[in-house]
C-alpha cells in the first residue's frame, strides 16, 4: 500500500517543488557561448565545486587543461561566475550559476565541462531543476558529492580506478542513477526518504547495506552512501 502511495505522491510533490521555483519567462536574446579554462601547470590535486540551480550540466574527463568548460545561454544576465585559486600543487575551482535563474519559455542554459584525468579530484555538484550527466569514471577521484534538486542525475562511474574513493549522494525531488565500475570492491549504504531506492548487482548485507564479493579484497574499493529524498534512486553495479 505504501509503495503505491509513494508512486502517486512523488510526481505530485515534484510538480509542487517545480512550481515553487517561480519560473520566469526571461527576455531571451541570441545564444551566447562562453569558454572557461584553467591551465594545469604543476597542479596534482584539485577541489571542484559546481553550483547549478536550473539547466543542463554535462561533466566528463579528457581535458588537456585542468578545467575546460563551454557555457551556453541566451539570457545576457545569466553569465556564470568562474573563480579559482592555485596554491602550488593544489587548486580550488568553483563554477556558479547566478541566483534567480528561472528557466521558462525559450530560455536556454547548458554547461559542458571537462576535467583533467591525471589530477586527484574532490568533486562537489549541487544540481537544481534540470538534468545533470556525469561521465567521470576515468577521472582520478578522491571524493564525489552530489546534491540533487528537482531533476534527473546520471552519475556514471564506470571505468578503471586505481585508488579508493567515496561517493555521497543526497536525494531531492527527482531521479538519480548511479553506475558503478567493474572489477573493484563495492560497498553501498542507502537510506530512502519518501522515494524508492533500487540496488542491482550487489549482495544484500545488514540493514541498508550492500556489497560485492570483491569488497575489502580488491586493491581498489569504492564506497557509496545515498540518502534518498522524494524521488527514485537506482544503484547499478
C-alpha atoms as a PDB file:
ATOM      1  CA  UNK A   1       0.000   0.000   0.000  1.00  0.00           C
ATOM      2  CA  UNK A   2       2.828   2.392   0.930  1.00  0.00           C
ATOM      3  CA  UNK A   3       4.619   1.670  -2.359  1.00  0.00           C
ATOM      4  CA  UNK A   4       1.540   2.597  -4.403  1.00  0.00           C
ATOM      5  CA  UNK A   5       1.005   5.714  -2.334  1.00  0.00           C
ATOM      6  CA  UNK A   6       4.643   6.727  -2.780  1.00  0.00           C
ATOM      7  CA  UNK A   7       4.492   6.321  -6.571  1.00  0.00           C
ATOM      8  CA  UNK A   8       1.499   8.640  -6.675  1.00  0.00           C
ATOM      9  CA  UNK A   9       2.996  11.108  -4.222  1.00  0.00           C
ATOM     10  CA  UNK A  10       6.385  11.562  -5.895  1.00  0.00           C
ATOM     11  CA  UNK A  11       5.200  13.243  -9.134  1.00  0.00           C
ATOM     12  CA  UNK A  12       2.735  15.408  -7.232  1.00  0.00           C
ATOM     13  CA  UNK A  13       5.406  16.677  -4.856  1.00  0.00           C
ATOM     14  CA  UNK A  14       7.840  17.143  -7.716  1.00  0.00           C
ATOM     15  CA  UNK A  15       5.348  19.355  -9.530  1.00  0.00           C
ATOM     16  CA  UNK A  16       4.761  21.349  -6.365  1.00  0.00           C
ATOM     17  CA  UNK A  17       8.503  21.822  -5.940  1.00  0.00           C
ATOM     18  CA  UNK A  18       8.955  22.966  -9.511  1.00  0.00           C
ATOM     19  CA  UNK A  19       6.023  25.320  -9.197  1.00  0.00           C
ATOM     20  CA  UNK A  20       7.589  26.843  -6.078  1.00  0.00           C
ATOM     21  CA  UNK A  21      10.634  27.822  -8.163  1.00  0.00           C
ATOM     22  CA  UNK A  22       8.532  30.612  -9.719  1.00  0.00           C
ATOM     23  CA  UNK A  23       9.847  30.124 -13.228  1.00  0.00           C
ATOM     24  CA  UNK A  24      10.064  33.448 -15.021  1.00  0.00           C
ATOM     25  CA  UNK A  25       9.771  33.946 -18.745  1.00  0.00           C
ATOM     26  CA  UNK A  26      13.033  35.854 -19.020  1.00  0.00           C
ATOM     27  CA  UNK A  27      13.685  38.069 -22.013  1.00  0.00           C
ATOM     28  CA  UNK A  28      15.868  35.990 -24.284  1.00  0.00           C
ATOM     29  CA  UNK A  29      18.381  37.108 -26.848  1.00  0.00           C
ATOM     30  CA  UNK A  30      20.848  35.479 -29.240  1.00  0.00           C
ATOM     31  CA  UNK A  31      22.548  32.331 -27.997  1.00  0.00           C
ATOM     32  CA  UNK A  32      25.851  33.156 -26.327  1.00  0.00           C
ATOM     33  CA  UNK A  33      28.727  30.723 -25.804  1.00  0.00           C
ATOM     34  CA  UNK A  34      31.403  31.411 -23.211  1.00  0.00           C
ATOM     35  CA  UNK A  35      34.566  29.387 -22.681  1.00  0.00           C
ATOM     36  CA  UNK A  36      36.224  28.987 -19.302  1.00  0.00           C
ATOM     37  CA  UNK A  37      39.578  27.308 -18.842  1.00  0.00           C
ATOM     38  CA  UNK A  38      42.322  26.885 -16.272  1.00  0.00           C
ATOM     39  CA  UNK A  39      45.810  25.684 -17.142  1.00  0.00           C
ATOM     40  CA  UNK A  40      47.046  22.716 -15.129  1.00  0.00           C
ATOM     41  CA  UNK A  41      50.555  23.933 -14.518  1.00  0.00           C
ATOM     42  CA  UNK A  42      52.052  21.884 -11.667  1.00  0.00           C
ATOM     43  CA  UNK A  43      48.696  21.117 -10.010  1.00  0.00           C
ATOM     44  CA  UNK A  44      48.211  17.494  -8.965  1.00  0.00           C
ATOM     45  CA  UNK A  45      45.162  17.899  -6.687  1.00  0.00           C
ATOM     46  CA  UNK A  46      42.010  19.972  -7.064  1.00  0.00           C
ATOM     47  CA  UNK A  47      38.728  20.723  -5.321  1.00  0.00           C
ATOM     48  CA  UNK A  48      35.986  21.407  -7.870  1.00  0.00           C
ATOM     49  CA  UNK A  49      32.567  22.764  -6.919  1.00  0.00           C
ATOM     50  CA  UNK A  50      29.728  23.122  -9.437  1.00  0.00           C
ATOM     51  CA  UNK A  51      26.563  25.006  -8.486  1.00  0.00           C
ATOM     52  CA  UNK A  52      23.728  24.998 -10.999  1.00  0.00           C
ATOM     53  CA  UNK A  53      20.204  25.899  -9.934  1.00  0.00           C
ATOM     54  CA  UNK A  54      18.491  25.226 -13.262  1.00  0.00           C
ATOM     55  CA  UNK A  55      19.531  23.925 -16.661  1.00  0.00           C
ATOM     56  CA  UNK A  56      21.584  21.104 -18.121  1.00  0.00           C
ATOM     57  CA  UNK A  57      25.031  20.067 -16.897  1.00  0.00           C
ATOM     58  CA  UNK A  58      27.366  17.600 -18.636  1.00  0.00           C
ATOM     59  CA  UNK A  59      30.644  16.714 -16.921  1.00  0.00           C
ATOM     60  CA  UNK A  60      33.340  14.383 -18.248  1.00  0.00           C
ATOM     61  CA  UNK A  61      37.102  13.845 -18.324  1.00  0.00           C
ATOM     62  CA  UNK A  62      39.543  14.326 -21.149  1.00  0.00           C
ATOM     63  CA  UNK A  63      40.602  17.941 -20.531  1.00  0.00           C
ATOM     64  CA  UNK A  64      44.148  18.797 -21.568  1.00  0.00           C
ATOM     65  CA  UNK A  65      43.981  21.712 -19.124  1.00  0.00           C
ATOM     66  CA  UNK A  66      42.967  21.382 -15.505  1.00  0.00           C
ATOM     67  CA  UNK A  67      39.452  22.593 -16.373  1.00  0.00           C
ATOM     68  CA  UNK A  68      37.743  23.357 -19.668  1.00  0.00           C
ATOM     69  CA  UNK A  69      34.146  24.468 -19.979  1.00  0.00           C
ATOM     70  CA  UNK A  70      31.660  25.715 -22.535  1.00  0.00           C
ATOM     71  CA  UNK A  71      28.677  27.688 -21.254  1.00  0.00           C
ATOM     72  CA  UNK A  72      25.643  28.280 -23.473  1.00  0.00           C
ATOM     73  CA  UNK A  73      22.830  30.658 -22.526  1.00  0.00           C
ATOM     74  CA  UNK A  74      20.508  33.144 -24.159  1.00  0.00           C
ATOM     75  CA  UNK A  75      19.685  35.474 -21.274  1.00  0.00           C
ATOM     76  CA  UNK A  76      22.543  38.018 -21.001  1.00  0.00           C
ATOM     77  CA  UNK A  77      22.317  38.318 -17.200  1.00  0.00           C
ATOM     78  CA  UNK A  78      22.883  34.592 -16.760  1.00  0.00           C
ATOM     79  CA  UNK A  79      26.645  34.583 -17.271  1.00  0.00           C
ATOM     80  CA  UNK A  80      28.083  32.207 -14.635  1.00  0.00           C
ATOM     81  CA  UNK A  81      30.788  33.123 -12.147  1.00  0.00           C
ATOM     82  CA  UNK A  82      34.052  31.197 -12.541  1.00  0.00           C
ATOM     83  CA  UNK A  83      36.523  31.506  -9.679  1.00  0.00           C
ATOM     84  CA  UNK A  84      39.727  29.640  -8.968  1.00  0.00           C
ATOM     85  CA  UNK A  85      42.728  29.707  -6.698  1.00  0.00           C
ATOM     86  CA  UNK A  86      46.004  27.888  -7.291  1.00  0.00           C
ATOM     87  CA  UNK A  87      48.436  27.403  -4.442  1.00  0.00           C
ATOM     88  CA  UNK A  88      51.431  25.398  -5.576  1.00  0.00           C
ATOM     89  CA  UNK A  89      50.248  21.913  -6.467  1.00  0.00           C
ATOM     90  CA  UNK A  90      46.684  22.402  -5.195  1.00  0.00           C
ATOM     91  CA  UNK A  91      43.793  24.211  -6.898  1.00  0.00           C
ATOM     92  CA  UNK A  92      40.268  25.214  -5.873  1.00  0.00           C
ATOM     93  CA  UNK A  93      37.717  25.806  -8.627  1.00  0.00           C
ATOM     94  CA  UNK A  94      34.106  26.952  -8.473  1.00  0.00           C
ATOM     95  CA  UNK A  95      31.635  27.476 -11.289  1.00  0.00           C
ATOM     96  CA  UNK A  96      28.449  29.099 -10.048  1.00  0.00           C
ATOM     97  CA  UNK A  97      25.233  29.966 -11.802  1.00  0.00           C
ATOM     98  CA  UNK A  98      23.810  33.404 -10.965  1.00  0.00           C
ATOM     99  CA  UNK A  99      20.996  33.427  -8.456  1.00  0.00           C
ATOM    100  CA  UNK A 100      17.373  33.573  -9.542  1.00  0.00           C
ATOM    101  CA  UNK A 101      17.838  31.786 -12.865  1.00  0.00           C
ATOM    102  CA  UNK A 102      14.379  30.536 -13.814  1.00  0.00           C
ATOM    103  CA  UNK A 103      14.008  28.525 -16.991  1.00  0.00           C
ATOM    104  CA  UNK A 104      10.823  29.028 -18.947  1.00  0.00           C
ATOM    105  CA  UNK A 105       9.653  29.952 -22.418  1.00  0.00           C
ATOM    106  CA  UNK A 106      12.641  29.928 -24.790  1.00  0.00           C
ATOM    107  CA  UNK A 107      15.309  30.332 -22.118  1.00  0.00           C
ATOM    108  CA  UNK A 108      18.317  28.049 -22.560  1.00  0.00           C
ATOM    109  CA  UNK A 109      21.140  27.194 -20.166  1.00  0.00           C
ATOM    110  CA  UNK A 110      23.771  24.477 -20.513  1.00  0.00           C
ATOM    111  CA  UNK A 111      27.204  23.643 -19.131  1.00  0.00           C
ATOM    112  CA  UNK A 112      29.576  21.280 -20.936  1.00  0.00           C
ATOM    113  CA  UNK A 113      32.561  20.748 -18.640  1.00  0.00           C
ATOM    114  CA  UNK A 114      35.733  18.667 -18.896  1.00  0.00           C
ATOM    115  CA  UNK A 115      38.208  17.848 -16.129  1.00  0.00           C
ATOM    116  CA  UNK A 116      41.784  16.583 -16.256  1.00  0.00           C
ATOM    117  CA  UNK A 117      42.186  12.799 -15.898  1.00  0.00           C
ATOM    118  CA  UNK A 118      45.542  12.942 -14.086  1.00  0.00           C
ATOM    119  CA  UNK A 119      44.711  15.282 -11.203  1.00  0.00           C
ATOM    120  CA  UNK A 120      43.357  13.924  -7.905  1.00  0.00           C
ATOM    121  CA  UNK A 121      39.846  15.367  -7.581  1.00  0.00           C
ATOM    122  CA  UNK A 122      37.347  16.176  -4.881  1.00  0.00           C
ATOM    123  CA  UNK A 123      34.172  16.954  -6.835  1.00  0.00           C
ATOM    124  CA  UNK A 124      31.033  18.530  -5.375  1.00  0.00           C
ATOM    125  CA  UNK A 125      27.971  19.228  -7.505  1.00  0.00           C
ATOM    126  CA  UNK A 126      24.800  20.985  -6.400  1.00  0.00           C
ATOM    127  CA  UNK A 127      22.145  20.247  -9.015  1.00  0.00           C
ATOM    128  CA  UNK A 128      18.813  22.038  -9.068  1.00  0.00           C
ATOM    129  CA  UNK A 129      15.970  21.832 -11.554  1.00  0.00           C
ATOM    130  CA  UNK A 130      17.098  20.191 -14.770  1.00  0.00           C
ATOM    131  CA  UNK A 131      19.366  17.402 -15.903  1.00  0.00           C
ATOM    132  CA  UNK A 132      22.923  16.533 -14.926  1.00  0.00           C
ATOM    133  CA  UNK A 133      25.086  13.847 -16.505  1.00  0.00           C
ATOM    134  CA  UNK A 134      28.475  12.907 -15.063  1.00  0.00           C
ATOM    135  CA  UNK A 135      30.665  10.602 -17.150  1.00  0.00           C
ATOM    136  CA  UNK A 136      33.592  10.629 -14.744  1.00  0.00           C
ATOM    137  CA  UNK A 137      34.713   7.024 -14.283  1.00  0.00           C
ATOM    138  CA  UNK A 138      38.058   7.740 -15.955  1.00  0.00           C
ATOM    139  CA  UNK A 139      38.941  10.572 -13.587  1.00  0.00           C
ATOM    140  CA  UNK A 140      41.321  10.242 -10.650  1.00  0.00           C
ATOM    141  CA  UNK A 141      38.675  10.614  -7.968  1.00  0.00           C
ATOM    142  CA  UNK A 142      39.143  11.036  -4.232  1.00  0.00           C
ATOM    143  CA  UNK A 143      35.619  12.063  -3.240  1.00  0.00           C
ATOM    144  CA  UNK A 144      32.388  12.727  -5.133  1.00  0.00           C
ATOM    145  CA  UNK A 145      29.421  14.506  -3.564  1.00  0.00           C
ATOM    146  CA  UNK A 146      26.190  15.186  -5.411  1.00  0.00           C
ATOM    147  CA  UNK A 147      23.210  17.097  -4.036  1.00  0.00           C
ATOM    148  CA  UNK A 148      20.106  16.541  -6.141  1.00  0.00           C
ATOM    149  CA  UNK A 149      17.365  19.070  -6.719  1.00  0.00           C
ATOM    150  CA  UNK A 150      14.204  18.681  -8.750  1.00  0.00           C
ATOM    151  CA  UNK A 151      15.613  16.977 -11.797  1.00  0.00           C
ATOM    152  CA  UNK A 152      17.460  13.966 -13.126  1.00  0.00           C
ATOM    153  CA  UNK A 153      21.030  12.954 -12.331  1.00  0.00           C
ATOM    154  CA  UNK A 154      23.032  10.266 -14.130  1.00  0.00           C
ATOM    155  CA  UNK A 155      26.272   9.551 -12.268  1.00  0.00           C
ATOM    156  CA  UNK A 156      28.360   7.211 -14.434  1.00  0.00           C
ATOM    157  CA  UNK A 157      31.445   5.975 -12.563  1.00  0.00           C
ATOM    158  CA  UNK A 158      32.284   3.090 -14.865  1.00  0.00           C
ATOM    159  CA  UNK A 159      35.996   2.915 -15.576  1.00  0.00           C
ATOM    160  CA  UNK A 160      39.234   1.531 -14.153  1.00  0.00           C
ATOM    161  CA  UNK A 161      40.020   3.406 -10.940  1.00  0.00           C
ATOM    162  CA  UNK A 162      43.481   2.952  -9.462  1.00  0.00           C
ATOM    163  CA  UNK A 163      42.689   4.191  -5.944  1.00  0.00           C
ATOM    164  CA  UNK A 164      39.870   4.056  -3.390  1.00  0.00           C
ATOM    165  CA  UNK A 165      37.278   6.821  -3.377  1.00  0.00           C
ATOM    166  CA  UNK A 166      33.988   7.763  -1.708  1.00  0.00           C
ATOM    167  CA  UNK A 167      30.674   8.758  -3.252  1.00  0.00           C
ATOM    168  CA  UNK A 168      27.905  10.591  -1.396  1.00  0.00           C
ATOM    169  CA  UNK A 169      24.539  11.322  -2.995  1.00  0.00           C
ATOM    170  CA  UNK A 170      21.763  13.270  -1.305  1.00  0.00           C
ATOM    171  CA  UNK A 171      18.413  12.923  -2.994  1.00  0.00           C
ATOM    172  CA  UNK A 172      15.964  15.693  -3.767  1.00  0.00           C
ATOM    173  CA  UNK A 173      12.782  15.711  -5.809  1.00  0.00           C
ATOM    174  CA  UNK A 174      13.856  13.724  -8.826  1.00  0.00           C
ATOM    175  CA  UNK A 175      15.582  10.659 -10.175  1.00  0.00           C
ATOM    176  CA  UNK A 176      19.194   9.547  -9.893  1.00  0.00           C
ATOM    177  CA  UNK A 177      21.046   6.642 -11.477  1.00  0.00           C
ATOM    178  CA  UNK A 178      24.473   5.672 -10.127  1.00  0.00           C
ATOM    179  CA  UNK A 179      26.502   3.325 -12.334  1.00  0.00           C
ATOM    180  CA  UNK A 180      29.499   1.712 -10.625  1.00  0.00           C
ATOM    181  CA  UNK A 181      32.756   0.314 -12.033  1.00  0.00           C
ATOM    182  CA  UNK A 182      33.511  -3.396 -12.537  1.00  0.00           C
ATOM    183  CA  UNK A 183      36.423  -5.359 -11.084  1.00  0.00           C
ATOM    184  CA  UNK A 184      36.703  -3.285  -7.907  1.00  0.00           C
ATOM    185  CA  UNK A 185      35.309  -3.721  -4.413  1.00  0.00           C
ATOM    186  CA  UNK A 186      31.946  -2.007  -3.921  1.00  0.00           C
ATOM    187  CA  UNK A 187      30.213  -1.150  -0.652  1.00  0.00           C
ATOM    188  CA  UNK A 188      26.962   0.797  -0.596  1.00  0.00           C
ATOM    189  CA  UNK A 189      24.647   2.101   2.082  1.00  0.00           C
ATOM    190  CA  UNK A 190      21.312   3.580   1.085  1.00  0.00           C
ATOM    191  CA  UNK A 191      18.528   5.163   3.088  1.00  0.00           C
ATOM    192  CA  UNK A 192      15.293   6.163   1.409  1.00  0.00           C
ATOM    193  CA  UNK A 193      13.084   9.138   2.136  1.00  0.00           C
ATOM    194  CA  UNK A 194       9.652   9.224   0.550  1.00  0.00           C
ATOM    195  CA  UNK A 195      11.076   7.814  -2.659  1.00  0.00           C
ATOM    196  CA  UNK A 196      12.471   4.442  -3.671  1.00  0.00           C
ATOM    197  CA  UNK A 197      15.990   3.021  -3.820  1.00  0.00           C
ATOM    198  CA  UNK A 198      16.785   0.092  -6.105  1.00  0.00           C
ATOM    199  CA  UNK A 199      20.123  -1.729  -5.927  1.00  0.00           C
ATOM    200  CA  UNK A 200      21.201  -4.269  -8.557  1.00  0.00           C
ATOM    201  CA  UNK A 201      24.406  -6.270  -8.927  1.00  0.00           C
ATOM    202  CA  UNK A 202      25.312  -6.206  -5.224  1.00  0.00           C
ATOM    203  CA  UNK A 203      24.733  -8.622  -2.357  1.00  0.00           C
ATOM    204  CA  UNK A 204      22.385  -7.530   0.409  1.00  0.00           C
ATOM    205  CA  UNK A 205      24.127  -7.181   3.752  1.00  0.00           C
ATOM    206  CA  UNK A 206      22.990  -5.960   7.133  1.00  0.00           C
ATOM    207  CA  UNK A 207      20.250  -3.380   7.249  1.00  0.00           C
ATOM    208  CA  UNK A 208      20.531  -0.924   4.379  1.00  0.00           C
ATOM    209  CA  UNK A 209      23.952  -2.092   3.211  1.00  0.00           C
ATOM    210  CA  UNK A 210      25.087  -3.905   0.073  1.00  0.00           C
ATOM    211  CA  UNK A 211      28.459  -5.035  -1.244  1.00  0.00           C
ATOM    212  CA  UNK A 212      30.040  -7.239  -3.879  1.00  0.00           C
ATOM    213  CA  UNK A 213      32.334 -10.218  -3.372  1.00  0.00           C
ATOM    214  CA  UNK A 214      35.434  -8.121  -4.051  1.00  0.00           C
ATOM    215  CA  UNK A 215      34.881  -5.572  -1.324  1.00  0.00           C
ATOM    216  CA  UNK A 216      37.794  -5.405   1.117  1.00  0.00           C
ATOM    217  CA  UNK A 217      39.684  -7.947  -1.034  1.00  0.00           C
ATOM    218  CA  UNK A 218      40.380  -5.902  -4.150  1.00  0.00           C
ATOM    219  CA  UNK A 219      43.198  -3.363  -4.437  1.00  0.00           C
ATOM    220  CA  UNK A 220      40.610  -0.675  -5.156  1.00  0.00           C
ATOM    221  CA  UNK A 221      37.365  -0.157  -3.244  1.00  0.00           C
ATOM    222  CA  UNK A 222      34.556   2.310  -3.898  1.00  0.00           C
ATOM    223  CA  UNK A 223      32.230   3.280  -1.055  1.00  0.00           C
ATOM    224  CA  UNK A 224      28.802   4.732  -1.838  1.00  0.00           C
ATOM    225  CA  UNK A 225      26.422   6.423   0.592  1.00  0.00           C
ATOM    226  CA  UNK A 226      22.963   7.509  -0.546  1.00  0.00           C
ATOM    227  CA  UNK A 227      20.322   9.445   1.344  1.00  0.00           C
ATOM    228  CA  UNK A 228      17.169   9.390  -0.724  1.00  0.00           C
ATOM    229  CA  UNK A 229      14.691  12.227  -0.901  1.00  0.00           C
ATOM    230  CA  UNK A 230      11.382  12.445  -2.733  1.00  0.00           C
ATOM    231  CA  UNK A 231      12.204  10.510  -5.862  1.00  0.00           C
ATOM    232  CA  UNK A 232      13.828   7.418  -7.277  1.00  0.00           C
ATOM    233  CA  UNK A 233      17.447   6.372  -6.876  1.00  0.00           C
ATOM    234  CA  UNK A 234      18.993   3.412  -8.715  1.00  0.00           C
ATOM    235  CA  UNK A 235      22.396   1.926  -7.912  1.00  0.00           C
ATOM    236  CA  UNK A 236      23.752  -0.349 -10.643  1.00  0.00           C
ATOM    237  CA  UNK A 237      26.935  -2.394 -10.199  1.00  0.00           C
END
